[in-house]
């Protein structure tokens, strides 16, 4: 009967280590995949990146990153100029450029907050979704930039004074009042 039952072949060694053998082996036999310093180096790099992002957000939120924002808005203005359609007139282009120049100056001086910029940024997003700017959209952009610039001027007390529709009451003169 032993002639009929074949014997099991001897196992041949594999040219690689099977994952099950790797995880089942004692730690003294396991060679680490990465050098010991890699987790610490990558962890330190990620921590540094998070700190830089946090600091950048704090600077941007405080209004102190004005020069960086001015550069960013300069690039956005250049991109918008490249999207102008044929129906945008030279006067509209000049008006938009003037408002952007004023806005960039205010940004560089740190006079504009992120909250003041939000409506303008939303207008840019809405206008540039189709990668072209029509004459009506150019007017929207110019109006939004002008509103930001006027808001900055009002908050700094440099707004052009407009007459109030109601007359300001004058103090009574006690000598003439009855």
C-alpha atoms as a PDB file:
ATOM      1  CA  UNK A   1       0.000   0.000   0.000  1.00  0.00           C
ATOM      2  CA  UNK A   2       2.893   2.396   0.669  1.00  0.00           C
ATOM      3  CA  UNK A   3       3.863   2.060  -2.971  1.00  0.00           C
ATOM      4  CA  UNK A   4       0.598   3.684  -4.018  1.00  0.00           C
ATOM      5  CA  UNK A   5       0.627   6.719  -1.688  1.00  0.00           C
ATOM      6  CA  UNK A   6       3.131   9.270  -2.939  1.00  0.00           C
ATOM      7  CA  UNK A   7       5.325  11.084  -0.485  1.00  0.00           C
ATOM      8  CA  UNK A   8       5.060  14.869  -0.234  1.00  0.00           C
ATOM      9  CA  UNK A   9       7.753  16.711  -2.139  1.00  0.00           C
ATOM     10  CA  UNK A  10      10.280  18.645  -0.118  1.00  0.00           C
ATOM     11  CA  UNK A  11       9.417  22.346   0.046  1.00  0.00           C
ATOM     12  CA  UNK A  12      11.638  24.548  -2.068  1.00  0.00           C
ATOM     13  CA  UNK A  13      12.744  27.827  -0.540  1.00  0.00           C
ATOM     14  CA  UNK A  14      11.025  30.863  -2.063  1.00  0.00           C
ATOM     15  CA  UNK A  15      13.128  33.679  -3.536  1.00  0.00           C
ATOM     16  CA  UNK A  16      11.199  36.179  -1.363  1.00  0.00           C
ATOM     17  CA  UNK A  17       9.756  36.327   2.106  1.00  0.00           C
ATOM     18  CA  UNK A  18       6.012  35.817   2.316  1.00  0.00           C
ATOM     19  CA  UNK A  19       4.089  38.502   4.210  1.00  0.00           C
ATOM     20  CA  UNK A  20       2.749  35.915   6.638  1.00  0.00           C
ATOM     21  CA  UNK A  21       6.315  34.854   7.503  1.00  0.00           C
ATOM     22  CA  UNK A  22       7.359  38.496   7.914  1.00  0.00           C
ATOM     23  CA  UNK A  23       4.564  39.288  10.384  1.00  0.00           C
ATOM     24  CA  UNK A  24       4.881  35.968  12.228  1.00  0.00           C
ATOM     25  CA  UNK A  25       8.639  36.311  12.762  1.00  0.00           C
ATOM     26  CA  UNK A  26      10.021  37.683  16.040  1.00  0.00           C
ATOM     27  CA  UNK A  27      11.030  41.350  15.974  1.00  0.00           C
ATOM     28  CA  UNK A  28      14.715  40.461  16.265  1.00  0.00           C
ATOM     29  CA  UNK A  29      14.559  38.766  12.832  1.00  0.00           C
ATOM     30  CA  UNK A  30      12.491  41.430  11.048  1.00  0.00           C
ATOM     31  CA  UNK A  31      14.410  44.046   9.120  1.00  0.00           C
ATOM     32  CA  UNK A  32      12.493  47.343   9.081  1.00  0.00           C
ATOM     33  CA  UNK A  33      11.205  48.529   5.713  1.00  0.00           C
ATOM     34  CA  UNK A  34      12.343  52.120   6.271  1.00  0.00           C
ATOM     35  CA  UNK A  35      15.314  53.410   8.218  1.00  0.00           C
ATOM     36  CA  UNK A  36      14.591  54.467  11.787  1.00  0.00           C
ATOM     37  CA  UNK A  37      14.856  58.198  11.045  1.00  0.00           C
ATOM     38  CA  UNK A  38      12.179  58.214   8.299  1.00  0.00           C
ATOM     39  CA  UNK A  39       9.085  58.346  10.564  1.00  0.00           C
ATOM     40  CA  UNK A  40      10.664  61.101  12.644  1.00  0.00           C
ATOM     41  CA  UNK A  41      11.771  63.092   9.593  1.00  0.00           C
ATOM     42  CA  UNK A  42       8.406  62.817   7.852  1.00  0.00           C
ATOM     43  CA  UNK A  43       6.573  63.580  11.086  1.00  0.00           C
ATOM     44  CA  UNK A  44       8.693  66.660  11.669  1.00  0.00           C
ATOM     45  CA  UNK A  45       8.170  67.802   8.068  1.00  0.00           C
ATOM     46  CA  UNK A  46       4.388  67.400   8.330  1.00  0.00           C
ATOM     47  CA  UNK A  47       4.351  69.243  11.658  1.00  0.00           C
ATOM     48  CA  UNK A  48       6.352  72.066  10.105  1.00  0.00           C
ATOM     49  CA  UNK A  49       3.949  72.221   7.148  1.00  0.00           C
ATOM     50  CA  UNK A  50       0.954  72.464   9.491  1.00  0.00           C
ATOM     51  CA  UNK A  51       2.636  75.239  11.488  1.00  0.00           C
ATOM     52  CA  UNK A  52       3.487  77.168   8.309  1.00  0.00           C
ATOM     53  CA  UNK A  53      -0.116  76.855   7.084  1.00  0.00           C
ATOM     54  CA  UNK A  54      -1.427  77.980  10.475  1.00  0.00           C
ATOM     55  CA  UNK A  55       0.925  80.972  10.563  1.00  0.00           C
ATOM     56  CA  UNK A  56       0.031  81.861   6.968  1.00  0.00           C
ATOM     57  CA  UNK A  57      -3.664  81.773   7.805  1.00  0.00           C
ATOM     58  CA  UNK A  58      -3.112  83.960  10.856  1.00  0.00           C
ATOM     59  CA  UNK A  59      -1.129  86.493   8.830  1.00  0.00           C
ATOM     60  CA  UNK A  60      -3.694  86.491   6.028  1.00  0.00           C
ATOM     61  CA  UNK A  61      -6.602  86.868   8.438  1.00  0.00           C
ATOM     62  CA  UNK A  62      -4.997  89.755  10.273  1.00  0.00           C
ATOM     63  CA  UNK A  63      -4.424  91.788   7.110  1.00  0.00           C
ATOM     64  CA  UNK A  64      -0.651  91.827   7.535  1.00  0.00           C
ATOM     65  CA  UNK A  65       0.015  89.745   4.413  1.00  0.00           C
ATOM     66  CA  UNK A  66      -0.907  92.674   2.186  1.00  0.00           C
ATOM     67  CA  UNK A  67       2.038  92.485  -0.208  1.00  0.00           C
ATOM     68  CA  UNK A  68       1.340  88.814  -0.842  1.00  0.00           C
ATOM     69  CA  UNK A  69      -2.347  89.499  -1.491  1.00  0.00           C
ATOM     70  CA  UNK A  70      -1.477  92.451  -3.726  1.00  0.00           C
ATOM     71  CA  UNK A  71       0.704  90.142  -5.822  1.00  0.00           C
ATOM     72  CA  UNK A  72      -2.062  87.542  -5.914  1.00  0.00           C
ATOM     73  CA  UNK A  73      -4.620  90.120  -7.042  1.00  0.00           C
ATOM     74  CA  UNK A  74      -2.208  91.398  -9.665  1.00  0.00           C
ATOM     75  CA  UNK A  75      -2.018  87.886 -11.117  1.00  0.00           C
ATOM     76  CA  UNK A  76      -5.822  87.534 -10.944  1.00  0.00           C
ATOM     77  CA  UNK A  77      -6.218  90.854 -12.762  1.00  0.00           C
ATOM     78  CA  UNK A  78      -3.845  89.685 -15.488  1.00  0.00           C
ATOM     79  CA  UNK A  79      -5.827  86.461 -15.876  1.00  0.00           C
ATOM     80  CA  UNK A  80      -9.081  88.403 -16.138  1.00  0.00           C
ATOM     81  CA  UNK A  81      -7.539  90.643 -18.815  1.00  0.00           C
ATOM     82  CA  UNK A  82      -6.775  87.524 -20.831  1.00  0.00           C
ATOM     83  CA  UNK A  83     -10.424  86.444 -20.604  1.00  0.00           C
ATOM     84  CA  UNK A  84     -11.927  89.668 -21.998  1.00  0.00           C
ATOM     85  CA  UNK A  85     -14.337  89.092 -24.843  1.00  0.00           C
ATOM     86  CA  UNK A  86     -14.478  91.183 -28.000  1.00  0.00           C
ATOM     87  CA  UNK A  87     -17.464  93.124 -26.674  1.00  0.00           C
ATOM     88  CA  UNK A  88     -15.518  94.603 -23.724  1.00  0.00           C
ATOM     89  CA  UNK A  89     -14.690  98.211 -24.537  1.00  0.00           C
ATOM     90  CA  UNK A  90     -11.418 100.002 -23.850  1.00  0.00           C
ATOM     91  CA  UNK A  91     -13.199 102.242 -21.322  1.00  0.00           C
ATOM     92  CA  UNK A  92     -14.396  99.187 -19.376  1.00  0.00           C
ATOM     93  CA  UNK A  93     -10.895  97.733 -19.386  1.00  0.00           C
ATOM     94  CA  UNK A  94      -9.428 101.038 -18.170  1.00  0.00           C
ATOM     95  CA  UNK A  95     -12.047 101.369 -15.418  1.00  0.00           C
ATOM     96  CA  UNK A  96     -11.388  97.827 -14.202  1.00  0.00           C
ATOM     97  CA  UNK A  97      -7.614  98.399 -14.269  1.00  0.00           C
ATOM     98  CA  UNK A  98      -8.001 101.599 -12.227  1.00  0.00           C
ATOM     99  CA  UNK A  99     -10.153  99.878  -9.596  1.00  0.00           C
ATOM    100  CA  UNK A 100      -7.737  96.938  -9.415  1.00  0.00           C
ATOM    101  CA  UNK A 101      -4.787  99.309  -9.022  1.00  0.00           C
ATOM    102  CA  UNK A 102      -6.526 101.045  -6.113  1.00  0.00           C
ATOM    103  CA  UNK A 103      -7.437  97.694  -4.590  1.00  0.00           C
ATOM    104  CA  UNK A 104      -3.868  96.392  -4.879  1.00  0.00           C
ATOM    105  CA  UNK A 105      -2.551  99.546  -3.182  1.00  0.00           C
ATOM    106  CA  UNK A 106      -5.040  99.124  -0.340  1.00  0.00           C
ATOM    107  CA  UNK A 107      -4.085  95.461  -0.016  1.00  0.00           C
ATOM    108  CA  UNK A 108      -0.371  96.269   0.067  1.00  0.00           C
ATOM    109  CA  UNK A 109      -1.018  98.875   2.770  1.00  0.00           C
ATOM    110  CA  UNK A 110      -3.001  96.357   4.826  1.00  0.00           C
ATOM    111  CA  UNK A 111      -6.212  98.382   4.715  1.00  0.00           C
ATOM    112  CA  UNK A 112      -8.476  95.638   3.343  1.00  0.00           C
ATOM    113  CA  UNK A 113      -9.785  92.757   5.414  1.00  0.00           C
ATOM    114  CA  UNK A 114     -10.717  89.341   4.102  1.00  0.00           C
ATOM    115  CA  UNK A 115     -14.357  90.040   4.965  1.00  0.00           C
ATOM    116  CA  UNK A 116     -14.366  93.082   2.695  1.00  0.00           C
ATOM    117  CA  UNK A 117     -12.891  91.029  -0.162  1.00  0.00           C
ATOM    118  CA  UNK A 118     -15.422  88.186  -0.040  1.00  0.00           C
ATOM    119  CA  UNK A 119     -18.071  89.749  -2.324  1.00  0.00           C
ATOM    120  CA  UNK A 120     -15.407  90.657  -4.874  1.00  0.00           C
ATOM    121  CA  UNK A 121     -13.892  87.162  -4.788  1.00  0.00           C
ATOM    122  CA  UNK A 122     -17.345  85.628  -5.267  1.00  0.00           C
ATOM    123  CA  UNK A 123     -17.942  87.899  -8.255  1.00  0.00           C
ATOM    124  CA  UNK A 124     -14.613  86.835  -9.769  1.00  0.00           C
ATOM    125  CA  UNK A 125     -15.549  83.195  -9.247  1.00  0.00           C
ATOM    126  CA  UNK A 126     -18.987  83.638 -10.802  1.00  0.00           C
ATOM    127  CA  UNK A 127     -17.684  85.610 -13.779  1.00  0.00           C
ATOM    128  CA  UNK A 128     -14.699  83.421 -14.588  1.00  0.00           C
ATOM    129  CA  UNK A 129     -16.434  80.035 -14.546  1.00  0.00           C
ATOM    130  CA  UNK A 130     -16.776  80.025 -18.332  1.00  0.00           C
ATOM    131  CA  UNK A 131     -13.230  81.375 -18.912  1.00  0.00           C
ATOM    132  CA  UNK A 132     -14.496  84.450 -20.712  1.00  0.00           C
ATOM    133  CA  UNK A 133     -15.554  87.888 -19.525  1.00  0.00           C
ATOM    134  CA  UNK A 134     -18.314  89.705 -21.414  1.00  0.00           C
ATOM    135  CA  UNK A 135     -19.015  93.438 -21.248  1.00  0.00           C
ATOM    136  CA  UNK A 136     -21.759  92.916 -18.651  1.00  0.00           C
ATOM    137  CA  UNK A 137     -19.456  90.740 -16.548  1.00  0.00           C
ATOM    138  CA  UNK A 138     -16.682  93.346 -16.819  1.00  0.00           C
ATOM    139  CA  UNK A 139     -19.140  95.889 -15.414  1.00  0.00           C
ATOM    140  CA  UNK A 140     -19.951  93.498 -12.545  1.00  0.00           C
ATOM    141  CA  UNK A 141     -16.267  93.067 -11.765  1.00  0.00           C
ATOM    142  CA  UNK A 142     -15.612  96.803 -11.871  1.00  0.00           C
ATOM    143  CA  UNK A 143     -18.613  97.491  -9.646  1.00  0.00           C
ATOM    144  CA  UNK A 144     -17.539  94.844  -7.115  1.00  0.00           C
ATOM    145  CA  UNK A 145     -13.982  96.223  -7.000  1.00  0.00           C
ATOM    146  CA  UNK A 146     -15.334  99.769  -6.638  1.00  0.00           C
ATOM    147  CA  UNK A 147     -17.530  98.680  -3.710  1.00  0.00           C
ATOM    148  CA  UNK A 148     -14.517  97.196  -1.936  1.00  0.00           C
ATOM    149  CA  UNK A 149     -12.514 100.372  -2.555  1.00  0.00           C
ATOM    150  CA  UNK A 150     -15.375 102.560  -1.295  1.00  0.00           C
ATOM    151  CA  UNK A 151     -15.729 100.360   1.784  1.00  0.00           C
ATOM    152  CA  UNK A 152     -12.034 100.807   2.510  1.00  0.00           C
ATOM    153  CA  UNK A 153     -12.342 104.564   2.056  1.00  0.00           C
ATOM    154  CA  UNK A 154     -15.368 104.711   4.389  1.00  0.00           C
ATOM    155  CA  UNK A 155     -13.679 102.636   7.049  1.00  0.00           C
ATOM    156  CA  UNK A 156     -10.667 104.949   6.977  1.00  0.00           C
ATOM    157  CA  UNK A 157     -12.733 108.144   6.941  1.00  0.00           C
ATOM    158  CA  UNK A 158     -11.588 109.175   3.481  1.00  0.00           C
ATOM    159  CA  UNK A 159     -14.889 108.773   1.720  1.00  0.00           C
ATOM    160  CA  UNK A 160     -16.144 111.532  -0.476  1.00  0.00           C
ATOM    161  CA  UNK A 161     -18.799 113.260   1.597  1.00  0.00           C
ATOM    162  CA  UNK A 162     -22.221 113.084   0.063  1.00  0.00           C
ATOM    163  CA  UNK A 163     -25.014 115.370   1.244  1.00  0.00           C
ATOM    164  CA  UNK A 164     -27.544 113.665   3.441  1.00  0.00           C
ATOM    165  CA  UNK A 165     -31.092 113.862   2.071  1.00  0.00           C
ATOM    166  CA  UNK A 166     -32.524 115.011   5.402  1.00  0.00           C
ATOM    167  CA  UNK A 167     -31.531 118.374   6.773  1.00  0.00           C
ATOM    168  CA  UNK A 168     -29.431 118.262   9.901  1.00  0.00           C
ATOM    169  CA  UNK A 169     -31.278 119.851  12.856  1.00  0.00           C
ATOM    170  CA  UNK A 170     -29.622 122.981  14.189  1.00  0.00           C
ATOM    171  CA  UNK A 171     -29.283 123.730  17.863  1.00  0.00           C
ATOM    172  CA  UNK A 172     -31.829 126.152  19.261  1.00  0.00           C
ATOM    173  CA  UNK A 173     -30.728 129.609  20.202  1.00  0.00           C
ATOM    174  CA  UNK A 174     -32.075 130.275  23.704  1.00  0.00           C
ATOM    175  CA  UNK A 175     -32.307 134.033  23.032  1.00  0.00           C
ATOM    176  CA  UNK A 176     -34.724 133.600  20.109  1.00  0.00           C
ATOM    177  CA  UNK A 177     -36.763 130.624  21.334  1.00  0.00           C
ATOM    178  CA  UNK A 178     -40.114 131.380  22.946  1.00  0.00           C
END
